[in-house]
Amino acid sequence: MAIHGSATEVINAPIAEVYKVAADVENSPKWQPEIKDVEVLERDGDGNQTRVLTESDAKVKTVKSELEFSYDEPNGLSWKQKKGDMKSVEGSWTLKDLGDGTTEATYEMTVDMGRTLGLVIRGPLVDLLRGQMVDTMPGKLKAFIEQG
């Protein structure tokens, strides 16, 4: 069972500010309530969090993922699961400077829950998780940044 989608919002902030918040994975639980814990396992020479262990609320179970991040400042970042409870996880933030002090932020994610979780997470729960994991993510980032 796979969950895939993307969502976009225009954020009333410059691209550098949006990037700074989106790329700060360690502090993402401040604006992503479904992320219960983040442990940075490795950083690159610039201080970017390149390997991170997360615990997220998947409604029926807390799931762990060790994620590897790549950065393209200020245009976005991407990640891929190296190991974890799900079969695979891939995601990205793509940021576009709209030239007027605003930023278009697009979030994309693909999660393959694998056989075991796929048997438990079905039907309406899939739509609920897609909303939590994909559809509402740019809005959460927008609200956090715009509220200061």
N, C-alpha and C. Protein backbone atom coordinates (compact mmCIF):
# COMPACT_ATOMS: atom_id res chain seq x y z
N MET A 1 0.85 -1.17 0.00
CA MET A 1 0.00 0.00 0.00
C MET A 1 0.89 1.23 0.00
N ALA A 2 0.69 2.12 -0.97
CA ALA A 2 1.51 3.33 -1.08
C ALA A 2 0.65 4.57 -0.93
N ILE A 3 1.24 5.58 -0.34
CA ILE A 3 0.64 6.90 -0.24
C ILE A 3 1.54 7.85 -0.99
N HIS A 4 0.96 8.58 -1.95
CA HIS A 4 1.75 9.52 -2.75
C HIS A 4 0.94 10.78 -2.94
N GLY A 5 1.63 11.90 -2.99
CA GLY A 5 0.95 13.15 -3.29
C GLY A 5 1.88 14.33 -3.18
N SER A 6 1.35 15.47 -3.60
CA SER A 6 2.08 16.72 -3.45
C SER A 6 1.07 17.83 -3.16
N ALA A 7 1.57 18.89 -2.54
CA ALA A 7 0.73 20.04 -2.21
C ALA A 7 1.61 21.28 -2.22
N THR A 8 0.99 22.42 -2.53
CA THR A 8 1.71 23.68 -2.68
C THR A 8 0.99 24.80 -1.96
N GLU A 9 1.75 25.70 -1.38
CA GLU A 9 1.24 26.93 -0.76
C GLU A 9 2.19 28.07 -1.09
N VAL A 10 1.65 29.28 -1.15
CA VAL A 10 2.48 30.48 -1.24
C VAL A 10 2.62 31.02 0.18
N ILE A 11 3.87 31.21 0.59
CA ILE A 11 4.18 31.65 1.95
C ILE A 11 4.67 33.09 1.90
N ASN A 12 4.13 33.92 2.76
CA ASN A 12 4.50 35.34 2.82
C ASN A 12 5.80 35.52 3.58
N ALA A 13 6.89 35.05 2.96
CA ALA A 13 8.23 35.16 3.54
C ALA A 13 9.24 34.92 2.42
N PRO A 14 10.42 35.51 2.54
CA PRO A 14 11.46 35.28 1.54
C PRO A 14 11.93 33.83 1.53
N ILE A 15 12.44 33.40 0.40
CA ILE A 15 12.85 32.00 0.22
C ILE A 15 13.88 31.56 1.26
N ALA A 16 14.81 32.43 1.63
CA ALA A 16 15.84 32.06 2.61
C ALA A 16 15.21 31.71 3.96
N GLU A 17 14.18 32.45 4.35
CA GLU A 17 13.52 32.18 5.63
C GLU A 17 12.74 30.87 5.58
N VAL A 18 12.05 30.63 4.45
CA VAL A 18 11.29 29.39 4.29
C VAL A 18 12.24 28.19 4.28
N TYR A 19 13.34 28.32 3.54
CA TYR A 19 14.33 27.24 3.49
C TYR A 19 14.87 26.93 4.89
N LYS A 20 15.19 27.98 5.64
CA LYS A 20 15.77 27.79 6.97
C LYS A 20 14.87 26.93 7.86
N VAL A 21 13.56 27.18 7.82
CA VAL A 21 12.63 26.40 8.63
C VAL A 21 12.46 24.99 8.07
N ALA A 22 12.26 24.87 6.76
CA ALA A 22 12.04 23.55 6.14
C ALA A 22 13.26 22.64 6.31
N ALA A 23 14.46 23.22 6.27
CA ALA A 23 15.69 22.42 6.34
C ALA A 23 16.10 22.10 7.78
N ASP A 24 15.45 22.69 8.75
CA ASP A 24 15.77 22.44 10.15
C ASP A 24 14.97 21.23 10.65
N VAL A 25 15.36 20.06 10.20
CA VAL A 25 14.65 18.83 10.50
C VAL A 25 14.59 18.58 12.00
N GLU A 26 15.64 18.91 12.69
CA GLU A 26 15.73 18.68 14.13
C GLU A 26 14.59 19.39 14.89
N ASN A 27 14.17 20.54 14.41
CA ASN A 27 13.12 21.30 15.07
C ASN A 27 11.76 21.19 14.39
N SER A 28 11.63 20.27 13.44
CA SER A 28 10.37 20.11 12.72
C SER A 28 9.18 19.72 13.60
N PRO A 29 9.38 19.04 14.73
CA PRO A 29 8.21 18.75 15.58
C PRO A 29 7.50 20.01 16.08
N LYS A 30 8.16 21.17 16.05
CA LYS A 30 7.53 22.41 16.48
C LYS A 30 6.35 22.79 15.58
N TRP A 31 6.41 22.38 14.30
CA TRP A 31 5.32 22.73 13.39
C TRP A 31 4.71 21.50 12.69
N GLN A 32 5.25 20.34 12.95
CA GLN A 32 4.70 19.09 12.42
C GLN A 32 4.33 18.19 13.60
N PRO A 33 3.11 18.33 14.14
CA PRO A 33 2.76 17.61 15.36
C PRO A 33 2.77 16.09 15.22
N GLU A 34 2.71 15.56 14.01
CA GLU A 34 2.74 14.11 13.84
C GLU A 34 4.14 13.54 14.05
N ILE A 35 5.18 14.39 14.03
CA ILE A 35 6.53 13.93 14.32
C ILE A 35 6.72 14.01 15.83
N LYS A 36 6.90 12.87 16.43
CA LYS A 36 6.99 12.78 17.89
C LYS A 36 8.40 12.96 18.42
N ASP A 37 9.41 12.54 17.64
CA ASP A 37 10.79 12.65 18.11
C ASP A 37 11.73 12.68 16.91
N VAL A 38 12.81 13.44 17.05
CA VAL A 38 13.85 13.53 16.03
C VAL A 38 15.20 13.40 16.72
N GLU A 39 16.01 12.51 16.19
CA GLU A 39 17.38 12.37 16.69
C GLU A 39 18.33 12.50 15.50
N VAL A 40 19.19 13.51 15.55
CA VAL A 40 20.16 13.71 14.48
C VAL A 40 21.30 12.72 14.68
N LEU A 41 21.54 11.90 13.66
CA LEU A 41 22.60 10.88 13.73
C LEU A 41 23.89 11.34 13.07
N GLU A 42 23.76 12.29 12.11
CA GLU A 42 24.94 12.72 11.37
C GLU A 42 24.69 14.10 10.77
N ARG A 43 25.74 14.93 10.73
CA ARG A 43 25.68 16.26 10.10
C ARG A 43 26.83 16.37 9.09
N ASP A 44 26.61 17.21 8.08
CA ASP A 44 27.69 17.47 7.13
C ASP A 44 28.53 18.64 7.64
N GLY A 45 29.53 19.05 6.88
CA GLY A 45 30.43 20.13 7.29
C GLY A 45 29.75 21.47 7.47
N ASP A 46 28.59 21.65 6.84
CA ASP A 46 27.83 22.90 6.96
C ASP A 46 26.83 22.86 8.11
N GLY A 47 26.78 21.74 8.83
CA GLY A 47 25.84 21.62 9.93
C GLY A 47 24.48 21.07 9.53
N ASN A 48 24.29 20.78 8.24
CA ASN A 48 23.02 20.20 7.79
C ASN A 48 22.83 18.81 8.38
N GLN A 49 21.61 18.50 8.75
CA GLN A 49 21.29 17.20 9.32
C GLN A 49 21.14 16.19 8.17
N THR A 50 22.14 15.35 7.97
CA THR A 50 22.14 14.46 6.81
C THR A 50 21.57 13.07 7.09
N ARG A 51 21.64 12.63 8.34
CA ARG A 51 20.99 11.36 8.73
C ARG A 51 20.23 11.62 10.01
N VAL A 52 18.93 11.28 9.97
CA VAL A 52 18.04 11.61 11.08
C VAL A 52 17.14 10.42 11.36
N LEU A 53 16.94 10.13 12.64
CA LEU A 53 15.99 9.11 13.06
C LEU A 53 14.74 9.82 13.53
N THR A 54 13.58 9.48 12.94
CA THR A 54 12.33 10.12 13.34
C THR A 54 11.36 9.08 13.87
N GLU A 55 10.46 9.54 14.74
CA GLU A 55 9.32 8.74 15.18
C GLU A 55 8.09 9.57 14.86
N SER A 56 7.17 8.97 14.08
CA SER A 56 5.98 9.68 13.63
C SER A 56 4.72 8.92 13.98
N ASP A 57 3.66 9.65 14.21
CA ASP A 57 2.35 9.08 14.52
C ASP A 57 1.67 8.69 13.21
N ALA A 58 1.50 7.40 12.97
CA ALA A 58 0.82 6.91 11.78
C ALA A 58 -0.61 6.46 12.12
N LYS A 59 -1.17 7.05 13.15
CA LYS A 59 -2.53 6.80 13.63
C LYS A 59 -2.70 5.44 14.30
N VAL A 60 -2.28 4.36 13.69
CA VAL A 60 -2.44 3.04 14.29
C VAL A 60 -1.16 2.58 14.98
N LYS A 61 -0.07 3.29 14.72
CA LYS A 61 1.23 2.88 15.24
C LYS A 61 2.20 4.04 15.11
N THR A 62 3.15 4.13 16.04
CA THR A 62 4.26 5.06 15.88
C THR A 62 5.30 4.36 15.02
N VAL A 63 5.72 5.03 13.96
CA VAL A 63 6.68 4.41 13.03
C VAL A 63 8.02 5.13 13.11
N LYS A 64 9.07 4.34 12.98
CA LYS A 64 10.43 4.88 12.99
C LYS A 64 11.00 4.82 11.58
N SER A 65 11.75 5.86 11.24
CA SER A 65 12.44 5.90 9.95
C SER A 65 13.80 6.56 10.14
N GLU A 66 14.82 5.93 9.59
CA GLU A 66 16.12 6.58 9.51
C GLU A 66 16.19 7.18 8.11
N LEU A 67 16.28 8.50 8.05
CA LEU A 67 16.21 9.22 6.78
C LEU A 67 17.55 9.85 6.45
N GLU A 68 17.86 9.86 5.16
CA GLU A 68 19.06 10.53 4.68
C GLU A 68 18.61 11.75 3.87
N PHE A 69 19.17 12.92 4.20
CA PHE A 69 18.76 14.18 3.59
C PHE A 69 19.82 14.71 2.63
N SER A 70 19.35 15.39 1.57
CA SER A 70 20.19 16.12 0.63
C SER A 70 19.64 17.54 0.56
N TYR A 71 20.55 18.53 0.45
CA TYR A 71 20.16 19.93 0.49
C TYR A 71 20.57 20.65 -0.78
N ASP A 72 19.71 21.57 -1.23
CA ASP A 72 19.97 22.43 -2.37
C ASP A 72 19.54 23.84 -1.98
N GLU A 73 20.31 24.47 -1.09
CA GLU A 73 19.95 25.78 -0.56
C GLU A 73 19.97 26.83 -1.65
N PRO A 74 19.00 27.69 -1.76
CA PRO A 74 17.76 27.79 -0.99
C PRO A 74 16.57 27.15 -1.69
N ASN A 75 16.84 26.32 -2.69
CA ASN A 75 15.77 25.80 -3.55
C ASN A 75 15.03 24.60 -3.00
N GLY A 76 15.54 24.00 -1.91
CA GLY A 76 14.82 22.88 -1.32
C GLY A 76 15.71 21.81 -0.74
N LEU A 77 15.08 20.71 -0.41
CA LEU A 77 15.78 19.57 0.15
C LEU A 77 14.98 18.31 -0.16
N SER A 78 15.64 17.18 -0.05
CA SER A 78 14.96 15.90 -0.29
C SER A 78 15.48 14.88 0.71
N TRP A 79 14.72 13.80 0.85
CA TRP A 79 15.10 12.75 1.79
C TRP A 79 14.62 11.40 1.29
N LYS A 80 15.29 10.38 1.82
CA LYS A 80 14.98 9.00 1.47
C LYS A 80 15.26 8.14 2.70
N GLN A 81 14.35 7.21 2.96
CA GLN A 81 14.53 6.31 4.10
C GLN A 81 15.66 5.33 3.80
N LYS A 82 16.56 5.18 4.77
CA LYS A 82 17.63 4.19 4.67
C LYS A 82 17.21 2.88 5.33
N LYS A 83 16.48 2.99 6.45
CA LYS A 83 15.89 1.82 7.10
C LYS A 83 14.77 2.32 8.00
N GLY A 84 13.85 1.40 8.30
CA GLY A 84 12.74 1.81 9.15
C GLY A 84 11.57 0.85 9.08
N ASP A 85 10.47 1.27 9.71
CA ASP A 85 9.28 0.43 9.80
C ASP A 85 8.52 0.31 8.49
N MET A 86 8.68 1.28 7.61
CA MET A 86 7.97 1.24 6.33
C MET A 86 8.91 0.71 5.25
N LYS A 87 8.32 0.23 4.18
CA LYS A 87 9.13 -0.33 3.09
C LYS A 87 10.01 0.75 2.46
N SER A 88 9.42 1.93 2.19
CA SER A 88 10.21 3.03 1.63
C SER A 88 9.52 4.36 1.91
N VAL A 89 10.34 5.39 1.99
CA VAL A 89 9.87 6.76 2.18
C VAL A 89 10.78 7.66 1.35
N GLU A 90 10.17 8.52 0.53
CA GLU A 90 10.91 9.53 -0.22
C GLU A 90 10.10 10.80 -0.20
N GLY A 91 10.79 11.93 -0.03
CA GLY A 91 10.07 13.19 -0.01
C GLY A 91 10.96 14.35 -0.38
N SER A 92 10.31 15.51 -0.57
CA SER A 92 11.08 16.71 -0.92
C SER A 92 10.28 17.97 -0.66
N TRP A 93 11.01 19.04 -0.46
CA TRP A 93 10.48 20.40 -0.48
C TRP A 93 11.13 21.07 -1.67
N THR A 94 10.33 21.68 -2.54
CA THR A 94 10.83 22.49 -3.64
C THR A 94 10.35 23.91 -3.39
N LEU A 95 11.30 24.84 -3.32
CA LEU A 95 10.98 26.23 -3.01
C LEU A 95 11.29 27.12 -4.22
N LYS A 96 10.37 28.06 -4.48
CA LYS A 96 10.53 28.96 -5.62
C LYS A 96 10.31 30.40 -5.15
N ASP A 97 11.32 31.24 -5.37
CA ASP A 97 11.23 32.66 -5.04
C ASP A 97 10.31 33.33 -6.05
N LEU A 98 9.21 33.89 -5.58
CA LEU A 98 8.25 34.53 -6.49
C LEU A 98 8.60 35.98 -6.78
N GLY A 99 9.70 36.46 -6.20
CA GLY A 99 10.21 37.78 -6.55
C GLY A 99 9.54 38.95 -5.85
N ASP A 100 8.59 38.68 -5.01
CA ASP A 100 7.88 39.77 -4.31
C ASP A 100 7.92 39.58 -2.80
N GLY A 101 8.93 38.86 -2.32
CA GLY A 101 9.03 38.59 -0.89
C GLY A 101 8.24 37.37 -0.45
N THR A 102 7.64 36.66 -1.42
CA THR A 102 6.91 35.44 -1.10
C THR A 102 7.61 34.25 -1.73
N THR A 103 7.26 33.08 -1.23
CA THR A 103 7.89 31.84 -1.69
C THR A 103 6.82 30.79 -1.96
N GLU A 104 6.91 30.13 -3.10
CA GLU A 104 6.04 28.99 -3.38
C GLU A 104 6.74 27.75 -2.84
N ALA A 105 6.04 27.04 -1.94
CA ALA A 105 6.61 25.84 -1.31
C ALA A 105 5.79 24.63 -1.73
N THR A 106 6.45 23.67 -2.37
CA THR A 106 5.78 22.44 -2.80
C THR A 106 6.39 21.26 -2.04
N TYR A 107 5.51 20.50 -1.43
CA TYR A 107 5.91 19.33 -0.66
C TYR A 107 5.45 18.10 -1.43
N GLU A 108 6.34 17.14 -1.57
CA GLU A 108 5.99 15.89 -2.25
C GLU A 108 6.50 14.73 -1.42
N MET A 109 5.67 13.68 -1.33
CA MET A 109 6.07 12.52 -0.54
C MET A 109 5.47 11.25 -1.12
N THR A 110 6.26 10.19 -1.08
CA THR A 110 5.80 8.86 -1.45
C THR A 110 6.21 7.90 -0.34
N VAL A 111 5.23 7.19 0.20
CA VAL A 111 5.47 6.24 1.28
C VAL A 111 4.89 4.90 0.87
N ASP A 112 5.71 3.87 0.89
CA ASP A 112 5.24 2.50 0.70
C ASP A 112 5.27 1.85 2.08
N MET A 113 4.10 1.59 2.62
CA MET A 113 4.02 1.07 3.99
C MET A 113 4.44 -0.38 4.11
N GLY A 114 4.54 -1.08 3.00
CA GLY A 114 4.91 -2.48 3.06
C GLY A 114 3.72 -3.35 3.41
N ARG A 115 3.94 -4.62 3.44
CA ARG A 115 2.86 -5.58 3.62
C ARG A 115 2.20 -5.51 5.01
N THR A 116 3.00 -5.47 6.05
CA THR A 116 2.45 -5.52 7.41
C THR A 116 1.60 -4.29 7.71
N LEU A 117 2.16 -3.09 7.54
CA LEU A 117 1.39 -1.88 7.80
C LEU A 117 0.26 -1.72 6.79
N GLY A 118 0.49 -2.17 5.56
CA GLY A 118 -0.53 -2.08 4.52
C GLY A 118 -1.79 -2.88 4.86
N LEU A 119 -1.63 -3.95 5.62
CA LEU A 119 -2.79 -4.75 6.04
C LEU A 119 -3.62 -4.02 7.09
N VAL A 120 -2.97 -3.17 7.89
CA VAL A 120 -3.66 -2.45 8.95
C VAL A 120 -4.21 -1.10 8.46
N ILE A 121 -3.42 -0.42 7.64
CA ILE A 121 -3.80 0.91 7.16
C ILE A 121 -4.46 0.77 5.80
N ARG A 122 -5.80 0.92 5.79
CA ARG A 122 -6.56 0.74 4.56
C ARG A 122 -7.72 1.72 4.53
N GLY A 123 -8.36 1.79 3.37
CA GLY A 123 -9.59 2.55 3.22
C GLY A 123 -9.47 4.00 3.66
N PRO A 124 -10.42 4.48 4.47
CA PRO A 124 -10.44 5.88 4.89
C PRO A 124 -9.18 6.31 5.66
N LEU A 125 -8.52 5.36 6.32
CA LEU A 125 -7.31 5.69 7.04
C LEU A 125 -6.19 6.13 6.09
N VAL A 126 -6.16 5.59 4.88
CA VAL A 126 -5.17 5.99 3.89
C VAL A 126 -5.36 7.47 3.55
N ASP A 127 -6.61 7.88 3.32
CA ASP A 127 -6.88 9.28 3.01
C ASP A 127 -6.52 10.19 4.19
N LEU A 128 -6.80 9.74 5.40
CA LEU A 128 -6.45 10.50 6.59
C LEU A 128 -4.94 10.69 6.69
N LEU A 129 -4.19 9.63 6.46
CA LEU A 129 -2.73 9.71 6.50
C LEU A 129 -2.18 10.57 5.37
N ARG A 130 -2.75 10.47 4.17
CA ARG A 130 -2.31 11.31 3.05
C ARG A 130 -2.49 12.78 3.42
N GLY A 131 -3.62 13.09 4.06
CA GLY A 131 -3.86 14.46 4.50
C GLY A 131 -2.83 14.90 5.52
N GLN A 132 -2.54 14.03 6.49
CA GLN A 132 -1.58 14.35 7.55
C GLN A 132 -0.16 14.44 7.01
N MET A 133 0.22 13.50 6.14
CA MET A 133 1.60 13.40 5.69
C MET A 133 1.93 14.24 4.47
N VAL A 134 0.90 14.62 3.68
CA VAL A 134 1.19 15.33 2.43
C VAL A 134 0.36 16.60 2.31
N ASP A 135 -0.94 16.46 2.21
CA ASP A 135 -1.82 17.56 1.82
C ASP A 135 -1.72 18.78 2.72
N THR A 136 -1.57 18.59 4.01
CA THR A 136 -1.57 19.71 4.95
C THR A 136 -0.16 20.25 5.25
N MET A 137 0.87 19.60 4.76
CA MET A 137 2.23 19.97 5.14
C MET A 137 2.61 21.40 4.74
N PRO A 138 2.37 21.84 3.50
CA PRO A 138 2.71 23.23 3.17
C PRO A 138 1.93 24.24 4.01
N GLY A 139 0.69 23.94 4.33
CA GLY A 139 -0.10 24.83 5.18
C GLY A 139 0.47 24.93 6.58
N LYS A 140 1.00 23.83 7.11
CA LYS A 140 1.62 23.84 8.44
C LYS A 140 2.88 24.70 8.42
N LEU A 141 3.68 24.56 7.36
CA LEU A 141 4.90 25.36 7.22
C LEU A 141 4.52 26.84 7.10
N LYS A 142 3.53 27.14 6.28
CA LYS A 142 3.05 28.52 6.08
C LYS A 142 2.59 29.12 7.41
N ALA A 143 1.76 28.42 8.14
CA ALA A 143 1.24 28.94 9.40
C ALA A 143 2.37 29.19 10.40
N PHE A 144 3.31 28.26 10.49
CA PHE A 144 4.41 28.41 11.45
C PHE A 144 5.26 29.64 11.11
N ILE A 145 5.59 29.80 9.84
CA ILE A 145 6.43 30.93 9.43
C ILE A 145 5.69 32.26 9.56
N GLU A 146 4.47 32.31 9.07
CA GLU A 146 3.74 33.57 9.06
C GLU A 146 3.30 34.02 10.46
N GLN A 147 3.16 33.08 11.38
CA GLN A 147 2.81 33.45 12.76
C GLN A 147 4.03 33.81 13.59
N GLY A 148 5.20 33.66 12.99
CA GLY A 148 6.43 34.03 13.68
C GLY A 148 6.87 32.99 14.63
